């Protein structure tokens, strides 16, 4: 069976990039921007991201060096604060195992 990968790309700077790459920090927090196609995809994504035919991946790139890696996306949380607080409109993306490029 062929597996389809859905890839969501984000940029992260040092030292957070190295922590995410090395598995020290297994989540990334992102601000939800209206009109961002990644947010639309995530909002329609199932609660459990992986099915036998689809695997969701995060591609994290360090813009200063161009280095990147892939990790399985294993969960998401949306932070909805009351009104316009500092916690409103953020999401946490949880990362699983690193996936090597073939």
N, C-alpha and C. Protein backbone atom coordinates (compact mmCIF):
# COMPACT_ATOMS: atom_id res chain seq x y z
N UNK A 1 0.84 -1.18 0.00
CA UNK A 1 0.00 0.00 0.00
C UNK A 1 0.89 1.24 0.00
N UNK A 2 0.53 2.19 -0.81
CA UNK A 2 1.26 3.45 -0.89
C UNK A 2 0.75 4.40 0.19
N UNK A 3 1.68 5.06 0.88
CA UNK A 3 1.31 6.01 1.93
C UNK A 3 1.49 7.43 1.40
N UNK A 4 0.47 8.24 1.57
CA UNK A 4 0.52 9.65 1.18
C UNK A 4 0.96 10.46 2.39
N UNK A 5 1.88 11.39 2.18
CA UNK A 5 2.33 12.27 3.27
C UNK A 5 1.77 13.66 3.05
N UNK A 6 1.19 14.21 4.10
CA UNK A 6 0.77 15.61 4.13
C UNK A 6 1.82 16.34 4.93
N UNK A 7 2.45 17.35 4.33
CA UNK A 7 3.56 18.06 4.96
C UNK A 7 3.17 19.50 5.24
N UNK A 8 3.33 19.91 6.49
CA UNK A 8 3.12 21.29 6.89
C UNK A 8 4.49 21.87 7.21
N UNK A 9 4.85 22.98 6.56
CA UNK A 9 6.18 23.56 6.73
C UNK A 9 6.14 24.77 7.65
N UNK A 10 7.11 24.81 8.57
CA UNK A 10 7.27 25.94 9.49
C UNK A 10 8.75 26.26 9.63
N UNK A 11 9.04 27.47 10.04
CA UNK A 11 10.42 27.91 10.30
C UNK A 11 10.60 28.09 11.80
N UNK A 12 11.77 27.69 12.30
CA UNK A 12 12.11 27.85 13.71
C UNK A 12 13.57 28.27 13.79
N UNK A 13 13.87 29.19 14.69
CA UNK A 13 15.24 29.70 14.84
C UNK A 13 15.96 29.00 16.00
N UNK A 14 17.29 29.14 16.00
CA UNK A 14 18.11 28.59 17.09
C UNK A 14 17.83 29.37 18.36
N UNK A 15 17.89 28.76 19.51
CA UNK A 15 18.22 27.37 19.83
C UNK A 15 17.01 26.43 19.80
N UNK A 16 15.81 26.97 19.52
CA UNK A 16 14.61 26.13 19.50
C UNK A 16 14.68 25.09 18.38
N UNK A 17 15.27 25.46 17.24
CA UNK A 17 15.39 24.52 16.13
C UNK A 17 16.14 23.27 16.57
N UNK A 18 17.28 23.44 17.20
CA UNK A 18 18.09 22.30 17.62
C UNK A 18 17.37 21.45 18.66
N UNK A 19 16.63 22.10 19.56
CA UNK A 19 15.88 21.36 20.58
C UNK A 19 14.78 20.52 19.93
N UNK A 20 14.10 21.06 18.93
CA UNK A 20 13.06 20.31 18.23
C UNK A 20 13.67 19.20 17.38
N UNK A 21 14.76 19.49 16.71
CA UNK A 21 15.43 18.49 15.87
C UNK A 21 15.92 17.30 16.69
N UNK A 22 16.50 17.61 17.86
CA UNK A 22 17.12 16.57 18.69
C UNK A 22 16.13 15.87 19.61
N UNK A 23 14.86 16.28 19.59
CA UNK A 23 13.85 15.61 20.39
C UNK A 23 13.78 16.06 21.83
N UNK A 24 14.46 17.15 22.17
CA UNK A 24 14.40 17.70 23.54
C UNK A 24 13.06 18.41 23.73
N UNK A 25 12.59 19.08 22.71
CA UNK A 25 11.31 19.82 22.72
C UNK A 25 10.43 19.20 21.64
N UNK A 26 9.41 18.45 22.06
CA UNK A 26 8.59 17.71 21.10
C UNK A 26 7.27 18.40 20.79
N UNK A 27 7.32 19.72 20.74
CA UNK A 27 6.13 20.49 20.35
C UNK A 27 6.61 21.81 19.77
N UNK A 28 5.74 22.44 19.01
CA UNK A 28 6.01 23.78 18.51
C UNK A 28 4.72 24.58 18.68
N UNK A 29 4.86 25.83 19.04
CA UNK A 29 3.70 26.69 19.26
C UNK A 29 3.66 27.72 18.13
N UNK A 30 2.49 27.83 17.51
CA UNK A 30 2.34 28.70 16.35
C UNK A 30 1.15 29.61 16.51
N UNK A 31 1.30 30.86 16.07
CA UNK A 31 0.20 31.81 16.08
C UNK A 31 -0.71 31.50 14.89
N UNK A 32 -2.00 31.51 15.12
CA UNK A 32 -2.97 31.23 14.07
C UNK A 32 -3.22 32.51 13.28
N UNK A 33 -2.82 32.50 12.05
CA UNK A 33 -3.02 33.65 11.16
C UNK A 33 -4.22 33.37 10.26
N UNK A 34 -5.14 34.32 10.19
CA UNK A 34 -6.30 34.15 9.31
C UNK A 34 -5.83 33.99 7.87
N UNK A 35 -6.41 33.05 7.16
CA UNK A 35 -6.06 32.82 5.77
C UNK A 35 -4.88 31.89 5.56
N UNK A 36 -4.23 31.43 6.63
CA UNK A 36 -3.10 30.53 6.50
C UNK A 36 -3.62 29.15 6.09
N UNK A 37 -3.23 28.64 4.92
CA UNK A 37 -3.75 27.35 4.46
C UNK A 37 -3.38 26.19 5.39
N UNK A 38 -2.28 26.31 6.12
CA UNK A 38 -1.90 25.24 7.06
C UNK A 38 -2.93 25.12 8.17
N UNK A 39 -3.44 26.26 8.61
CA UNK A 39 -4.46 26.26 9.68
C UNK A 39 -5.75 25.62 9.17
N UNK A 40 -6.12 25.92 7.94
CA UNK A 40 -7.32 25.30 7.36
C UNK A 40 -7.15 23.79 7.28
N UNK A 41 -5.99 23.33 6.83
CA UNK A 41 -5.75 21.89 6.76
C UNK A 41 -5.83 21.24 8.14
N UNK A 42 -5.21 21.90 9.12
CA UNK A 42 -5.23 21.34 10.48
C UNK A 42 -6.63 21.34 11.08
N UNK A 43 -7.42 22.34 10.76
CA UNK A 43 -8.77 22.39 11.33
C UNK A 43 -9.65 21.27 10.77
N UNK A 44 -9.34 20.81 9.57
CA UNK A 44 -10.10 19.72 8.97
C UNK A 44 -9.48 18.36 9.24
N UNK A 45 -8.27 18.35 9.81
CA UNK A 45 -7.57 17.09 10.07
C UNK A 45 -8.30 16.30 11.14
N UNK A 46 -8.26 14.99 11.02
CA UNK A 46 -8.90 14.16 12.05
C UNK A 46 -8.16 14.26 13.38
N UNK A 47 -8.85 13.86 14.44
CA UNK A 47 -8.24 13.88 15.76
C UNK A 47 -6.97 13.02 15.77
N UNK A 48 -7.05 11.86 15.14
CA UNK A 48 -5.87 11.00 15.03
C UNK A 48 -5.33 11.21 13.62
N UNK A 49 -4.13 11.73 13.51
CA UNK A 49 -3.63 12.20 12.23
C UNK A 49 -3.30 11.09 11.25
N UNK A 50 -2.87 9.95 11.74
CA UNK A 50 -2.38 8.94 10.82
C UNK A 50 -3.43 7.87 10.55
N UNK A 51 -3.60 7.56 9.30
CA UNK A 51 -4.44 6.46 8.88
C UNK A 51 -3.51 5.51 8.12
N UNK A 52 -3.98 4.34 7.74
CA UNK A 52 -3.09 3.44 6.99
C UNK A 52 -2.56 4.05 5.69
N UNK A 53 -3.27 5.03 5.13
CA UNK A 53 -2.83 5.58 3.84
C UNK A 53 -2.31 7.01 3.90
N UNK A 54 -2.42 7.70 5.05
CA UNK A 54 -1.97 9.10 5.15
C UNK A 54 -1.14 9.30 6.42
N UNK A 55 0.01 9.96 6.26
CA UNK A 55 0.86 10.32 7.39
C UNK A 55 1.06 11.84 7.36
N UNK A 56 0.80 12.52 8.49
CA UNK A 56 1.00 13.96 8.59
C UNK A 56 2.39 14.24 9.14
N UNK A 57 3.12 15.12 8.46
CA UNK A 57 4.49 15.46 8.86
C UNK A 57 4.62 16.97 9.04
N UNK A 58 5.49 17.35 9.97
CA UNK A 58 5.92 18.74 10.10
C UNK A 58 7.33 18.83 9.52
N UNK A 59 7.55 19.79 8.63
CA UNK A 59 8.89 20.08 8.14
C UNK A 59 9.31 21.37 8.82
N UNK A 60 10.35 21.28 9.64
CA UNK A 60 10.84 22.44 10.37
C UNK A 60 12.18 22.86 9.76
N UNK A 61 12.26 24.12 9.36
CA UNK A 61 13.47 24.66 8.72
C UNK A 61 14.07 25.77 9.56
N UNK A 62 15.39 25.77 9.65
CA UNK A 62 16.12 26.89 10.27
C UNK A 62 16.44 27.87 9.15
N UNK A 63 15.80 29.06 9.12
CA UNK A 63 16.01 29.98 8.01
C UNK A 63 17.44 30.52 7.92
N UNK A 64 18.17 30.51 9.01
CA UNK A 64 19.55 31.03 8.99
C UNK A 64 20.51 30.06 8.30
N UNK A 65 20.23 28.76 8.39
CA UNK A 65 21.16 27.77 7.84
C UNK A 65 20.57 26.96 6.69
N UNK A 66 19.26 26.95 6.56
CA UNK A 66 18.61 26.12 5.54
C UNK A 66 18.44 24.67 5.96
N UNK A 67 18.98 24.30 7.11
CA UNK A 67 18.83 22.93 7.61
C UNK A 67 17.36 22.67 7.94
N UNK A 68 16.91 21.44 7.72
CA UNK A 68 15.53 21.09 8.03
C UNK A 68 15.44 19.63 8.45
N UNK A 69 14.31 19.30 9.04
CA UNK A 69 14.02 17.92 9.42
C UNK A 69 12.52 17.72 9.36
N UNK A 70 12.12 16.46 9.38
CA UNK A 70 10.70 16.09 9.39
C UNK A 70 10.39 15.33 10.67
N UNK A 71 9.24 15.61 11.27
CA UNK A 71 8.73 14.83 12.40
C UNK A 71 7.27 14.53 12.15
N UNK A 72 6.82 13.37 12.63
CA UNK A 72 5.41 13.04 12.54
C UNK A 72 4.60 14.00 13.40
N UNK A 73 3.48 14.43 12.88
CA UNK A 73 2.54 15.24 13.65
C UNK A 73 1.62 14.28 14.38
N UNK A 74 1.61 14.34 15.72
CA UNK A 74 0.83 13.36 16.48
C UNK A 74 -0.33 13.99 17.25
N UNK A 75 -0.42 15.32 17.27
CA UNK A 75 -1.53 15.95 17.97
C UNK A 75 -1.50 17.46 17.82
N UNK A 76 -2.61 18.07 18.21
CA UNK A 76 -2.72 19.53 18.14
C UNK A 76 -3.65 20.00 19.26
N UNK A 77 -3.41 21.18 19.75
CA UNK A 77 -4.29 21.86 20.69
C UNK A 77 -4.43 23.29 20.22
N UNK A 78 -5.63 23.82 20.29
CA UNK A 78 -5.90 25.21 19.94
C UNK A 78 -6.16 25.97 21.24
N UNK A 79 -5.43 27.06 21.44
CA UNK A 79 -5.62 27.88 22.64
C UNK A 79 -6.57 29.02 22.28
N UNK A 80 -7.73 28.99 22.86
CA UNK A 80 -8.73 30.03 22.63
C UNK A 80 -8.94 30.77 23.94
N UNK A 81 -8.37 31.94 24.06
CA UNK A 81 -8.55 32.74 25.26
C UNK A 81 -9.81 33.59 25.14
N UNK A 82 -10.27 34.10 26.25
CA UNK A 82 -11.45 34.98 26.19
C UNK A 82 -11.07 36.32 25.56
N UNK A 83 -11.78 36.70 24.53
CA UNK A 83 -11.51 37.99 23.89
C UNK A 83 -10.14 38.02 23.27
N UNK A 84 -9.50 39.15 23.34
CA UNK A 84 -8.18 39.33 22.77
C UNK A 84 -7.13 39.26 23.87
N UNK A 85 -6.78 38.07 24.28
CA UNK A 85 -5.72 37.90 25.28
C UNK A 85 -4.46 37.44 24.58
N UNK A 86 -3.37 37.39 25.31
CA UNK A 86 -2.12 36.92 24.73
C UNK A 86 -2.18 35.44 24.39
N UNK A 87 -3.11 34.70 24.99
CA UNK A 87 -3.22 33.27 24.71
C UNK A 87 -4.23 32.93 23.63
N UNK A 88 -4.93 33.92 23.09
CA UNK A 88 -5.93 33.58 22.08
C UNK A 88 -5.24 33.38 20.73
N UNK A 89 -5.83 32.46 19.97
CA UNK A 89 -5.40 32.21 18.59
C UNK A 89 -3.98 31.67 18.46
N UNK A 90 -3.63 30.73 19.31
CA UNK A 90 -2.36 30.01 19.21
C UNK A 90 -2.67 28.53 19.14
N UNK A 91 -1.77 27.77 18.53
CA UNK A 91 -1.93 26.33 18.52
C UNK A 91 -0.62 25.67 18.90
N UNK A 92 -0.76 24.53 19.54
CA UNK A 92 0.39 23.70 19.89
C UNK A 92 0.35 22.48 18.99
N UNK A 93 1.44 22.21 18.30
CA UNK A 93 1.56 21.04 17.45
C UNK A 93 2.55 20.09 18.11
N UNK A 94 2.11 18.86 18.35
CA UNK A 94 2.93 17.87 19.04
C UNK A 94 3.63 17.00 18.00
N UNK A 95 4.95 16.81 18.22
CA UNK A 95 5.77 16.08 17.26
C UNK A 95 6.15 14.72 17.80
N UNK A 96 6.09 13.72 16.92
CA UNK A 96 6.49 12.36 17.25
C UNK A 96 7.88 12.09 16.67
N UNK A 97 8.05 10.87 16.20
CA UNK A 97 9.34 10.43 15.69
C UNK A 97 9.82 11.26 14.50
N UNK A 98 11.14 11.37 14.41
CA UNK A 98 11.72 12.03 13.24
C UNK A 98 11.63 11.08 12.06
N UNK A 99 11.37 11.63 10.88
CA UNK A 99 11.25 10.85 9.66
C UNK A 99 12.35 11.28 8.71
N UNK A 100 13.10 10.32 8.23
CA UNK A 100 14.20 10.62 7.29
C UNK A 100 13.65 10.70 5.88
N UNK A 101 14.26 11.59 5.10
CA UNK A 101 13.87 11.75 3.70
C UNK A 101 14.39 10.57 2.90
N UNK A 102 13.59 10.11 1.96
CA UNK A 102 14.04 9.00 1.09
C UNK A 102 14.33 9.50 -0.29
